[in-house]
């Protein structure tokens, strides 16, 4: 069964991303983008944090710790992807500005068609083999077909089948989680997720990156005097990233080959999955912290 997974790893990555974005689309309407007009300051700050501050922090993090190889590539990939679909749910439970969260997610998701390959090229080229050529065109194509198109189709479902859209979105997200679970299970069985080989230092580095990104996302709204609900949305957008997209791009950069070890690709994979798990814990902590803060200001 692991041989089947390795041979078809790309399609596992495609499945989990398509289902996640289709499910997200089934919760979005064109009106959700109206937040840009209604609250341009918060939306602009949120998008700049995602598209500029996060990559800069990742670059300084890689440079400051002298990171190379798979861990550097994994961190760069995490910086290049937008906020994930779960960020909207976490914002809701934290009593943040859900409309702002949805707007930032939607805008950065559209923008990543151009920003993701650009950020990757700037951050990881030096850590790749000498003969490596960034598959910019392929990344752009994959983002369109597996991220943007399912998102738009989900929005069409919401418009044409409004009574069934919530059910469709819920089960699409569940199918996506099942896809990620399959990736984790089969990667473990194939010996590709080796915590000992990954190392405690790298585990702590991924945790530190999440903490630093979240702290930066907290500091910027405070600096610009944004309301607590807006700040909460921006924090969640940064902390909860679209690891689904990261997994797909990983398969493009480091495709699994049956019978061949790929320690570099495995380190990138472990980095993404570890961050994905850690961001759920961080999100839960932010929910508890922000709910208490909301009660104090009520």
C-alpha atoms as a PDB file:
ATOM      1  CA  UNK A   1       0.000   0.000   0.000  1.00  0.00           C
ATOM      2  CA  UNK A   2       2.893   2.378   0.707  1.00  0.00           C
ATOM      3  CA  UNK A   3       4.214   1.728  -2.808  1.00  0.00           C
ATOM      4  CA  UNK A   4       0.833   2.794  -4.186  1.00  0.00           C
ATOM      5  CA  UNK A   5       0.949   5.969  -2.089  1.00  0.00           C
ATOM      6  CA  UNK A   6       4.475   6.920  -3.163  1.00  0.00           C
ATOM      7  CA  UNK A   7       3.574   6.342  -6.810  1.00  0.00           C
ATOM      8  CA  UNK A   8       0.443   8.493  -6.476  1.00  0.00           C
ATOM      9  CA  UNK A   9       1.562  10.987  -3.817  1.00  0.00           C
ATOM     10  CA  UNK A  10       0.847  13.917  -6.119  1.00  0.00           C
ATOM     11  CA  UNK A  11      -2.810  12.918  -6.457  1.00  0.00           C
ATOM     12  CA  UNK A  12      -3.202  12.547  -2.687  1.00  0.00           C
ATOM     13  CA  UNK A  13      -1.901  16.132  -2.381  1.00  0.00           C
ATOM     14  CA  UNK A  14      -4.238  17.318  -5.142  1.00  0.00           C
ATOM     15  CA  UNK A  15      -7.262  15.644  -3.530  1.00  0.00           C
ATOM     16  CA  UNK A  16      -6.787  17.181  -0.084  1.00  0.00           C
ATOM     17  CA  UNK A  17      -6.198  20.673  -1.507  1.00  0.00           C
ATOM     18  CA  UNK A  18      -9.078  20.607  -4.002  1.00  0.00           C
ATOM     19  CA  UNK A  19     -11.530  19.429  -1.354  1.00  0.00           C
ATOM     20  CA  UNK A  20     -10.352  22.069   1.139  1.00  0.00           C
ATOM     21  CA  UNK A  21     -10.671  24.909  -1.345  1.00  0.00           C
ATOM     22  CA  UNK A  22     -13.990  23.670  -2.733  1.00  0.00           C
ATOM     23  CA  UNK A  23     -15.348  23.535   0.808  1.00  0.00           C
ATOM     24  CA  UNK A  24     -14.058  27.017   1.529  1.00  0.00           C
ATOM     25  CA  UNK A  25     -15.603  28.338  -1.674  1.00  0.00           C
ATOM     26  CA  UNK A  26     -18.984  26.977  -0.638  1.00  0.00           C
ATOM     27  CA  UNK A  27     -18.910  29.402   2.304  1.00  0.00           C
ATOM     28  CA  UNK A  28     -17.907  32.523   0.319  1.00  0.00           C
ATOM     29  CA  UNK A  29     -19.893  35.082  -1.633  1.00  0.00           C
ATOM     30  CA  UNK A  30     -18.753  38.072  -3.662  1.00  0.00           C
ATOM     31  CA  UNK A  31     -20.061  40.257  -0.822  1.00  0.00           C
ATOM     32  CA  UNK A  32     -17.355  38.845   1.444  1.00  0.00           C
ATOM     33  CA  UNK A  33     -14.834  40.838  -0.579  1.00  0.00           C
ATOM     34  CA  UNK A  34     -16.760  44.001   0.272  1.00  0.00           C
ATOM     35  CA  UNK A  35     -14.718  44.233   3.465  1.00  0.00           C
ATOM     36  CA  UNK A  36     -12.000  45.811   1.325  1.00  0.00           C
ATOM     37  CA  UNK A  37     -14.283  48.797   0.741  1.00  0.00           C
ATOM     38  CA  UNK A  38     -15.906  48.867   4.182  1.00  0.00           C
ATOM     39  CA  UNK A  39     -12.702  48.577   6.220  1.00  0.00           C
ATOM     40  CA  UNK A  40      -9.741  49.265   3.893  1.00  0.00           C
ATOM     41  CA  UNK A  41      -7.281  49.957   6.706  1.00  0.00           C
ATOM     42  CA  UNK A  42      -7.681  46.593   8.446  1.00  0.00           C
ATOM     43  CA  UNK A  43      -7.766  44.624   5.182  1.00  0.00           C
ATOM     44  CA  UNK A  44      -4.699  46.412   3.826  1.00  0.00           C
ATOM     45  CA  UNK A  45      -2.719  45.839   7.018  1.00  0.00           C
ATOM     46  CA  UNK A  46      -3.781  42.194   7.160  1.00  0.00           C
ATOM     47  CA  UNK A  47      -2.729  41.547   3.577  1.00  0.00           C
ATOM     48  CA  UNK A  48       0.581  43.360   3.956  1.00  0.00           C
ATOM     49  CA  UNK A  49       1.343  41.306   7.044  1.00  0.00           C
ATOM     50  CA  UNK A  50       0.671  38.117   5.096  1.00  0.00           C
ATOM     51  CA  UNK A  51       2.372  38.995   1.831  1.00  0.00           C
ATOM     52  CA  UNK A  52       5.328  41.078   3.062  1.00  0.00           C
ATOM     53  CA  UNK A  53       5.975  40.741   6.786  1.00  0.00           C
ATOM     54  CA  UNK A  54       5.704  36.948   6.975  1.00  0.00           C
ATOM     55  CA  UNK A  55       8.265  36.331   4.166  1.00  0.00           C
ATOM     56  CA  UNK A  56      10.631  38.914   5.676  1.00  0.00           C
ATOM     57  CA  UNK A  57      10.378  37.288   9.108  1.00  0.00           C
ATOM     58  CA  UNK A  58      11.002  33.871   7.541  1.00  0.00           C
ATOM     59  CA  UNK A  59      14.036  35.192   5.662  1.00  0.00           C
ATOM     60  CA  UNK A  60      15.517  36.745   8.812  1.00  0.00           C
ATOM     61  CA  UNK A  61      14.738  33.553  10.736  1.00  0.00           C
ATOM     62  CA  UNK A  62      16.565  31.404   8.195  1.00  0.00           C
ATOM     63  CA  UNK A  63      19.478  33.853   8.062  1.00  0.00           C
ATOM     64  CA  UNK A  64      19.659  34.395  11.814  1.00  0.00           C
ATOM     65  CA  UNK A  65      19.827  30.691  12.666  1.00  0.00           C
ATOM     66  CA  UNK A  66      22.043  29.859   9.691  1.00  0.00           C
ATOM     67  CA  UNK A  67      19.575  27.293   8.395  1.00  0.00           C
ATOM     68  CA  UNK A  68      20.150  25.281   5.240  1.00  0.00           C
ATOM     69  CA  UNK A  69      18.701  22.289   3.446  1.00  0.00           C
ATOM     70  CA  UNK A  70      15.232  20.909   4.018  1.00  0.00           C
ATOM     71  CA  UNK A  71      14.431  22.907   7.149  1.00  0.00           C
ATOM     72  CA  UNK A  72      15.221  26.195   5.359  1.00  0.00           C
ATOM     73  CA  UNK A  73      13.128  25.154   2.367  1.00  0.00           C
ATOM     74  CA  UNK A  74      10.260  24.066   4.618  1.00  0.00           C
ATOM     75  CA  UNK A  75      10.241  27.412   6.423  1.00  0.00           C
ATOM     76  CA  UNK A  76      10.376  29.308   3.127  1.00  0.00           C
ATOM     77  CA  UNK A  77       7.459  27.266   1.822  1.00  0.00           C
ATOM     78  CA  UNK A  78       5.436  28.036   4.946  1.00  0.00           C
ATOM     79  CA  UNK A  79       6.099  31.737   4.386  1.00  0.00           C
ATOM     80  CA  UNK A  80       5.064  31.553   0.733  1.00  0.00           C
ATOM     81  CA  UNK A  81       1.607  30.082   1.298  1.00  0.00           C
ATOM     82  CA  UNK A  82      -1.437  32.145   2.350  1.00  0.00           C
ATOM     83  CA  UNK A  83      -3.679  31.686   5.373  1.00  0.00           C
ATOM     84  CA  UNK A  84      -5.602  28.447   5.560  1.00  0.00           C
ATOM     85  CA  UNK A  85      -9.303  27.727   5.473  1.00  0.00           C
ATOM     86  CA  UNK A  86      -9.287  26.923   9.193  1.00  0.00           C
ATOM     87  CA  UNK A  87      -8.263  30.489  10.064  1.00  0.00           C
ATOM     88  CA  UNK A  88     -11.837  31.679   9.464  1.00  0.00           C
ATOM     89  CA  UNK A  89     -13.215  29.067  11.853  1.00  0.00           C
ATOM     90  CA  UNK A  90     -10.623  29.891  14.511  1.00  0.00           C
ATOM     91  CA  UNK A  91     -11.405  33.599  14.147  1.00  0.00           C
ATOM     92  CA  UNK A  92     -15.088  32.869  14.657  1.00  0.00           C
ATOM     93  CA  UNK A  93     -14.478  30.917  17.860  1.00  0.00           C
ATOM     94  CA  UNK A  94     -12.097  33.617  19.121  1.00  0.00           C
ATOM     95  CA  UNK A  95     -14.864  36.210  18.540  1.00  0.00           C
ATOM     96  CA  UNK A  96     -12.726  38.041  16.019  1.00  0.00           C
ATOM     97  CA  UNK A  97     -13.845  39.875  12.902  1.00  0.00           C
ATOM     98  CA  UNK A  98     -14.943  36.930  10.754  1.00  0.00           C
ATOM     99  CA  UNK A  99     -15.706  39.112   7.713  1.00  0.00           C
ATOM    100  CA  UNK A 100     -12.181  40.539   7.840  1.00  0.00           C
ATOM    101  CA  UNK A 101     -10.715  37.046   8.195  1.00  0.00           C
ATOM    102  CA  UNK A 102     -12.627  35.778   5.168  1.00  0.00           C
ATOM    103  CA  UNK A 103     -11.595  38.812   3.106  1.00  0.00           C
ATOM    104  CA  UNK A 104      -7.898  38.405   3.919  1.00  0.00           C
ATOM    105  CA  UNK A 105      -8.023  34.665   3.234  1.00  0.00           C
ATOM    106  CA  UNK A 106      -9.766  35.192  -0.097  1.00  0.00           C
ATOM    107  CA  UNK A 107      -7.504  38.027  -1.263  1.00  0.00           C
ATOM    108  CA  UNK A 108      -4.224  36.335  -0.299  1.00  0.00           C
ATOM    109  CA  UNK A 109      -5.468  33.101  -1.863  1.00  0.00           C
ATOM    110  CA  UNK A 110      -6.017  34.921  -5.154  1.00  0.00           C
ATOM    111  CA  UNK A 111      -2.724  36.790  -4.816  1.00  0.00           C
ATOM    112  CA  UNK A 112      -0.724  33.614  -4.183  1.00  0.00           C
ATOM    113  CA  UNK A 113      -1.050  32.807  -7.870  1.00  0.00           C
ATOM    114  CA  UNK A 114       1.792  35.291  -8.297  1.00  0.00           C
ATOM    115  CA  UNK A 115       3.256  35.752  -4.825  1.00  0.00           C
ATOM    116  CA  UNK A 116       3.893  32.095  -3.939  1.00  0.00           C
ATOM    117  CA  UNK A 117       6.318  31.263  -6.791  1.00  0.00           C
ATOM    118  CA  UNK A 118       7.977  34.678  -6.380  1.00  0.00           C
ATOM    119  CA  UNK A 119       8.562  34.274  -2.637  1.00  0.00           C
ATOM    120  CA  UNK A 120       9.777  30.711  -3.116  1.00  0.00           C
ATOM    121  CA  UNK A 121      12.225  31.760  -5.794  1.00  0.00           C
ATOM    122  CA  UNK A 122      13.602  34.536  -3.601  1.00  0.00           C
ATOM    123  CA  UNK A 123      13.924  32.402  -0.471  1.00  0.00           C
ATOM    124  CA  UNK A 124      14.880  28.871  -1.487  1.00  0.00           C
ATOM    125  CA  UNK A 125      16.916  29.036  -4.710  1.00  0.00           C
ATOM    126  CA  UNK A 126      20.184  29.093  -2.795  1.00  0.00           C
ATOM    127  CA  UNK A 127      19.315  25.910  -0.889  1.00  0.00           C
ATOM    128  CA  UNK A 128      18.413  23.812  -3.938  1.00  0.00           C
ATOM    129  CA  UNK A 129      20.787  21.690  -6.077  1.00  0.00           C
ATOM    130  CA  UNK A 130      22.868  23.626  -8.611  1.00  0.00           C
ATOM    131  CA  UNK A 131      20.854  22.300 -11.548  1.00  0.00           C
ATOM    132  CA  UNK A 132      17.495  23.174  -9.970  1.00  0.00           C
ATOM    133  CA  UNK A 133      15.155  25.417 -11.930  1.00  0.00           C
ATOM    134  CA  UNK A 134      12.121  26.839 -10.124  1.00  0.00           C
ATOM    135  CA  UNK A 135       9.021  25.438 -11.888  1.00  0.00           C
ATOM    136  CA  UNK A 136       7.309  28.827 -11.749  1.00  0.00           C
ATOM    137  CA  UNK A 137       4.904  28.096 -14.594  1.00  0.00           C
ATOM    138  CA  UNK A 138       3.931  24.734 -13.143  1.00  0.00           C
ATOM    139  CA  UNK A 139       3.349  26.193  -9.679  1.00  0.00           C
ATOM    140  CA  UNK A 140       1.144  28.931 -11.130  1.00  0.00           C
ATOM    141  CA  UNK A 141      -0.788  26.349 -13.165  1.00  0.00           C
ATOM    142  CA  UNK A 142      -1.260  24.059 -10.173  1.00  0.00           C
ATOM    143  CA  UNK A 143      -2.435  26.925  -7.960  1.00  0.00           C
ATOM    144  CA  UNK A 144      -5.021  27.887 -10.560  1.00  0.00           C
ATOM    145  CA  UNK A 145      -6.387  24.387 -11.205  1.00  0.00           C
ATOM    146  CA  UNK A 146      -6.249  22.987  -7.681  1.00  0.00           C
ATOM    147  CA  UNK A 147      -6.796  26.092  -5.541  1.00  0.00           C
ATOM    148  CA  UNK A 148      -8.506  28.945  -7.380  1.00  0.00           C
ATOM    149  CA  UNK A 149     -10.792  26.914  -9.652  1.00  0.00           C
ATOM    150  CA  UNK A 150     -12.201  24.743  -6.814  1.00  0.00           C
ATOM    151  CA  UNK A 151     -12.669  27.934  -4.780  1.00  0.00           C
ATOM    152  CA  UNK A 152     -14.702  29.516  -7.581  1.00  0.00           C
ATOM    153  CA  UNK A 153     -16.706  26.323  -8.146  1.00  0.00           C
ATOM    154  CA  UNK A 154     -17.536  26.244  -4.438  1.00  0.00           C
ATOM    155  CA  UNK A 155     -18.810  29.820  -4.667  1.00  0.00           C
ATOM    156  CA  UNK A 156     -20.996  28.764  -7.607  1.00  0.00           C
ATOM    157  CA  UNK A 157     -22.412  25.930  -5.494  1.00  0.00           C
ATOM    158  CA  UNK A 158     -23.288  28.384  -2.720  1.00  0.00           C
ATOM    159  CA  UNK A 159     -25.053  30.641  -5.207  1.00  0.00           C
ATOM    160  CA  UNK A 160     -26.969  27.886  -7.015  1.00  0.00           C
ATOM    161  CA  UNK A 161     -27.592  25.486  -4.108  1.00  0.00           C
ATOM    162  CA  UNK A 162     -27.728  27.721  -1.025  1.00  0.00           C
ATOM    163  CA  UNK A 163     -29.749  25.191   0.988  1.00  0.00           C
ATOM    164  CA  UNK A 164     -27.144  22.473   0.486  1.00  0.00           C
ATOM    165  CA  UNK A 165     -23.937  24.540   0.473  1.00  0.00           C
ATOM    166  CA  UNK A 166     -23.277  24.236   4.206  1.00  0.00           C
ATOM    167  CA  UNK A 167     -23.525  20.443   4.058  1.00  0.00           C
ATOM    168  CA  UNK A 168     -21.302  20.325   0.963  1.00  0.00           C
ATOM    169  CA  UNK A 169     -18.715  22.594   2.587  1.00  0.00           C
ATOM    170  CA  UNK A 170     -18.663  20.548   5.781  1.00  0.00           C
ATOM    171  CA  UNK A 171     -18.120  17.230   4.023  1.00  0.00           C
ATOM    172  CA  UNK A 172     -15.591  18.688   1.610  1.00  0.00           C
ATOM    173  CA  UNK A 173     -13.484  19.922   4.522  1.00  0.00           C
ATOM    174  CA  UNK A 174     -13.791  16.518   6.187  1.00  0.00           C
ATOM    175  CA  UNK A 175     -12.651  14.821   2.976  1.00  0.00           C
ATOM    176  CA  UNK A 176      -9.666  17.165   2.888  1.00  0.00           C
ATOM    177  CA  UNK A 177      -8.733  16.234   6.447  1.00  0.00           C
ATOM    178  CA  UNK A 178      -9.017  12.576   5.471  1.00  0.00           C
ATOM    179  CA  UNK A 179      -6.602  13.241   2.623  1.00  0.00           C
ATOM    180  CA  UNK A 180      -4.078  14.841   4.980  1.00  0.00           C
ATOM    181  CA  UNK A 181      -4.480  11.938   7.406  1.00  0.00           C
ATOM    182  CA  UNK A 182      -3.718   9.524   4.558  1.00  0.00           C
ATOM    183  CA  UNK A 183      -0.574  11.500   3.700  1.00  0.00           C
ATOM    184  CA  UNK A 184       0.588  11.348   7.323  1.00  0.00           C
ATOM    185  CA  UNK A 185      -0.195   7.647   7.805  1.00  0.00           C
ATOM    186  CA  UNK A 186       1.368   6.455   4.557  1.00  0.00           C
ATOM    187  CA  UNK A 187       4.391   8.715   4.994  1.00  0.00           C
ATOM    188  CA  UNK A 188       4.973   7.209   8.443  1.00  0.00           C
ATOM    189  CA  UNK A 189       4.554   3.677   7.104  1.00  0.00           C
ATOM    190  CA  UNK A 190       6.989   4.442   4.301  1.00  0.00           C
ATOM    191  CA  UNK A 191       9.546   5.702   6.856  1.00  0.00           C
ATOM    192  CA  UNK A 192       9.469   9.245   5.525  1.00  0.00           C
ATOM    193  CA  UNK A 193       8.390  10.907   8.803  1.00  0.00           C
ATOM    194  CA  UNK A 194      11.244  10.050  11.113  1.00  0.00           C
ATOM    195  CA  UNK A 195      11.202  12.328  14.154  1.00  0.00           C
ATOM    196  CA  UNK A 196      14.647  11.160  15.231  1.00  0.00           C
ATOM    197  CA  UNK A 197      16.137  11.952  11.826  1.00  0.00           C
ATOM    198  CA  UNK A 198      14.339  15.293  11.750  1.00  0.00           C
ATOM    199  CA  UNK A 199      15.846  16.128  15.118  1.00  0.00           C
ATOM    200  CA  UNK A 200      14.724  17.932  18.253  1.00  0.00           C
ATOM    201  CA  UNK A 201      16.483  21.121  17.158  1.00  0.00           C
ATOM    202  CA  UNK A 202      14.410  21.332  13.988  1.00  0.00           C
ATOM    203  CA  UNK A 203      11.231  20.606  15.925  1.00  0.00           C
ATOM    204  CA  UNK A 204      12.015  23.510  18.250  1.00  0.00           C
ATOM    205  CA  UNK A 205      12.822  25.738  15.268  1.00  0.00           C
ATOM    206  CA  UNK A 206       9.418  25.112  13.688  1.00  0.00           C
ATOM    207  CA  UNK A 207       7.743  25.845  17.028  1.00  0.00           C
ATOM    208  CA  UNK A 208       9.810  29.029  17.405  1.00  0.00           C
ATOM    209  CA  UNK A 209       8.866  30.157  13.903  1.00  0.00           C
ATOM    210  CA  UNK A 210       5.173  29.797  14.723  1.00  0.00           C
ATOM    211  CA  UNK A 211       5.566  31.784  17.945  1.00  0.00           C
ATOM    212  CA  UNK A 212       7.536  34.566  16.220  1.00  0.00           C
ATOM    213  CA  UNK A 213       5.066  34.853  13.331  1.00  0.00           C
ATOM    214  CA  UNK A 214       2.149  34.995  15.752  1.00  0.00           C
ATOM    215  CA  UNK A 215       3.910  37.626  17.871  1.00  0.00           C
ATOM    216  CA  UNK A 216       4.562  39.738  14.768  1.00  0.00           C
ATOM    217  CA  UNK A 217       0.912  39.400  13.747  1.00  0.00           C
ATOM    218  CA  UNK A 218      -0.087  40.576  17.233  1.00  0.00           C
ATOM    219  CA  UNK A 219       2.312  43.524  17.275  1.00  0.00           C
ATOM    220  CA  UNK A 220       1.401  45.116  13.940  1.00  0.00           C
ATOM    221  CA  UNK A 221      -2.344  45.636  14.666  1.00  0.00           C
ATOM    222  CA  UNK A 222      -1.431  47.057  18.075  1.00  0.00           C
ATOM    223  CA  UNK A 223       1.054  49.427  16.425  1.00  0.00           C
ATOM    224  CA  UNK A 224      -1.639  50.685  14.030  1.00  0.00           C
ATOM    225  CA  UNK A 225      -4.340  50.865  16.692  1.00  0.00           C
ATOM    226  CA  UNK A 226      -6.702  48.295  15.176  1.00  0.00           C
ATOM    227  CA  UNK A 227      -9.681  47.102  17.250  1.00  0.00           C
ATOM    228  CA  UNK A 228      -9.302  43.836  19.146  1.00  0.00           C
ATOM    229  CA  UNK A 229     -11.639  41.949  16.806  1.00  0.00           C
ATOM    230  CA  UNK A 230      -9.601  42.989  13.756  1.00  0.00           C
ATOM    231  CA  UNK A 231      -6.319  42.141  15.467  1.00  0.00           C
ATOM    232  CA  UNK A 232      -7.647  38.684  16.315  1.00  0.00           C
ATOM    233  CA  UNK A 233      -8.530  38.011  12.667  1.00  0.00           C
ATOM    234  CA  UNK A 234      -5.052  39.025  11.485  1.00  0.00           C
ATOM    235  CA  UNK A 235      -3.368  36.890  14.137  1.00  0.00           C
ATOM    236  CA  UNK A 236      -5.341  33.839  13.052  1.00  0.00           C
ATOM    237  CA  UNK A 237      -4.598  34.464   9.371  1.00  0.00           C
ATOM    238  CA  UNK A 238      -0.869  34.399  10.068  1.00  0.00           C
ATOM    239  CA  UNK A 239      -0.816  31.562  12.599  1.00  0.00           C
ATOM    240  CA  UNK A 240      -3.113  29.191  10.685  1.00  0.00           C
ATOM    241  CA  UNK A 241      -1.589  28.764   7.227  1.00  0.00           C
ATOM    242  CA  UNK A 242      -2.695  26.854   4.134  1.00  0.00           C
ATOM    243  CA  UNK A 243      -0.539  23.785   4.721  1.00  0.00           C
ATOM    244  CA  UNK A 244      -2.763  22.008   2.172  1.00  0.00           C
ATOM    245  CA  UNK A 245      -1.192  24.120  -0.570  1.00  0.00           C
ATOM    246  CA  UNK A 246       2.263  23.621   0.909  1.00  0.00           C
ATOM    247  CA  UNK A 247       1.878  19.842   0.652  1.00  0.00           C
ATOM    248  CA  UNK A 248       0.986  20.095  -3.026  1.00  0.00           C
ATOM    249  CA  UNK A 249       3.937  22.365  -3.840  1.00  0.00           C
ATOM    250  CA  UNK A 250       6.207  19.988  -1.952  1.00  0.00           C
ATOM    251  CA  UNK A 251       5.202  17.180  -4.331  1.00  0.00           C
ATOM    252  CA  UNK A 252       6.084  19.438  -7.278  1.00  0.00           C
ATOM    253  CA  UNK A 253       9.515  20.352  -5.925  1.00  0.00           C
ATOM    254  CA  UNK A 254      10.344  16.939  -4.455  1.00  0.00           C
ATOM    255  CA  UNK A 255       8.254  14.242  -6.164  1.00  0.00           C
ATOM    256  CA  UNK A 256       8.446  10.880  -4.420  1.00  0.00           C
ATOM    257  CA  UNK A 257      10.181   8.135  -6.372  1.00  0.00           C
ATOM    258  CA  UNK A 258       9.583   4.491  -5.546  1.00  0.00           C
ATOM    259  CA  UNK A 259      12.682   2.858  -4.119  1.00  0.00           C
ATOM    260  CA  UNK A 260      14.649   6.090  -3.774  1.00  0.00           C
ATOM    261  CA  UNK A 261      15.294   7.919  -0.513  1.00  0.00           C
ATOM    262  CA  UNK A 262      14.787  11.677  -0.472  1.00  0.00           C
ATOM    263  CA  UNK A 263      15.996  13.092   2.864  1.00  0.00           C
ATOM    264  CA  UNK A 264      15.680  16.677   1.608  1.00  0.00           C
ATOM    265  CA  UNK A 265      12.051  16.251   0.528  1.00  0.00           C
ATOM    266  CA  UNK A 266      11.232  14.273   3.673  1.00  0.00           C
ATOM    267  CA  UNK A 267      12.528  17.103   5.862  1.00  0.00           C
ATOM    268  CA  UNK A 268      10.346  19.573   3.971  1.00  0.00           C
ATOM    269  CA  UNK A 269       7.340  17.265   4.373  1.00  0.00           C
ATOM    270  CA  UNK A 270       7.962  16.852   8.105  1.00  0.00           C
ATOM    271  CA  UNK A 271       8.310  20.641   8.500  1.00  0.00           C
ATOM    272  CA  UNK A 272       4.943  21.257   6.845  1.00  0.00           C
ATOM    273  CA  UNK A 273       3.069  18.586   8.790  1.00  0.00           C
ATOM    274  CA  UNK A 274       4.681  19.579  12.088  1.00  0.00           C
ATOM    275  CA  UNK A 275       3.732  23.222  11.559  1.00  0.00           C
ATOM    276  CA  UNK A 276       0.230  22.113  10.554  1.00  0.00           C
ATOM    277  CA  UNK A 277      -0.212  20.310  13.847  1.00  0.00           C
ATOM    278  CA  UNK A 278       1.412  23.058  15.904  1.00  0.00           C
ATOM    279  CA  UNK A 279      -0.746  25.783  14.336  1.00  0.00           C
ATOM    280  CA  UNK A 280      -3.881  24.016  15.558  1.00  0.00           C
ATOM    281  CA  UNK A 281      -2.546  24.143  19.112  1.00  0.00           C
ATOM    282  CA  UNK A 282      -1.554  27.786  18.675  1.00  0.00           C
ATOM    283  CA  UNK A 283      -4.995  28.563  17.264  1.00  0.00           C
ATOM    284  CA  UNK A 284      -6.662  26.933  20.250  1.00  0.00           C
ATOM    285  CA  UNK A 285      -4.482  28.972  22.600  1.00  0.00           C
ATOM    286  CA  UNK A 286      -5.324  32.188  20.759  1.00  0.00           C
ATOM    287  CA  UNK A 287      -9.024  31.372  21.000  1.00  0.00           C
ATOM    288  CA  UNK A 288      -8.837  31.004  24.781  1.00  0.00           C
ATOM    289  CA  UNK A 289      -6.699  34.137  25.168  1.00  0.00           C
ATOM    290  CA  UNK A 290      -8.816  36.331  22.909  1.00  0.00           C
ATOM    291  CA  UNK A 291     -12.141  35.174  24.359  1.00  0.00           C
ATOM    292  CA  UNK A 292     -10.938  36.196  27.825  1.00  0.00           C
ATOM    293  CA  UNK A 293      -9.796  39.547  26.439  1.00  0.00           C
ATOM    294  CA  UNK A 294     -13.197  40.085  24.786  1.00  0.00           C
ATOM    295  CA  UNK A 295     -14.967  39.380  28.088  1.00  0.00           C
ATOM    296  CA  UNK A 296     -12.831  41.958  29.875  1.00  0.00           C
ATOM    297  CA  UNK A 297     -13.647  44.639  27.325  1.00  0.00           C
ATOM    298  CA  UNK A 298     -17.355  43.774  27.163  1.00  0.00           C
END
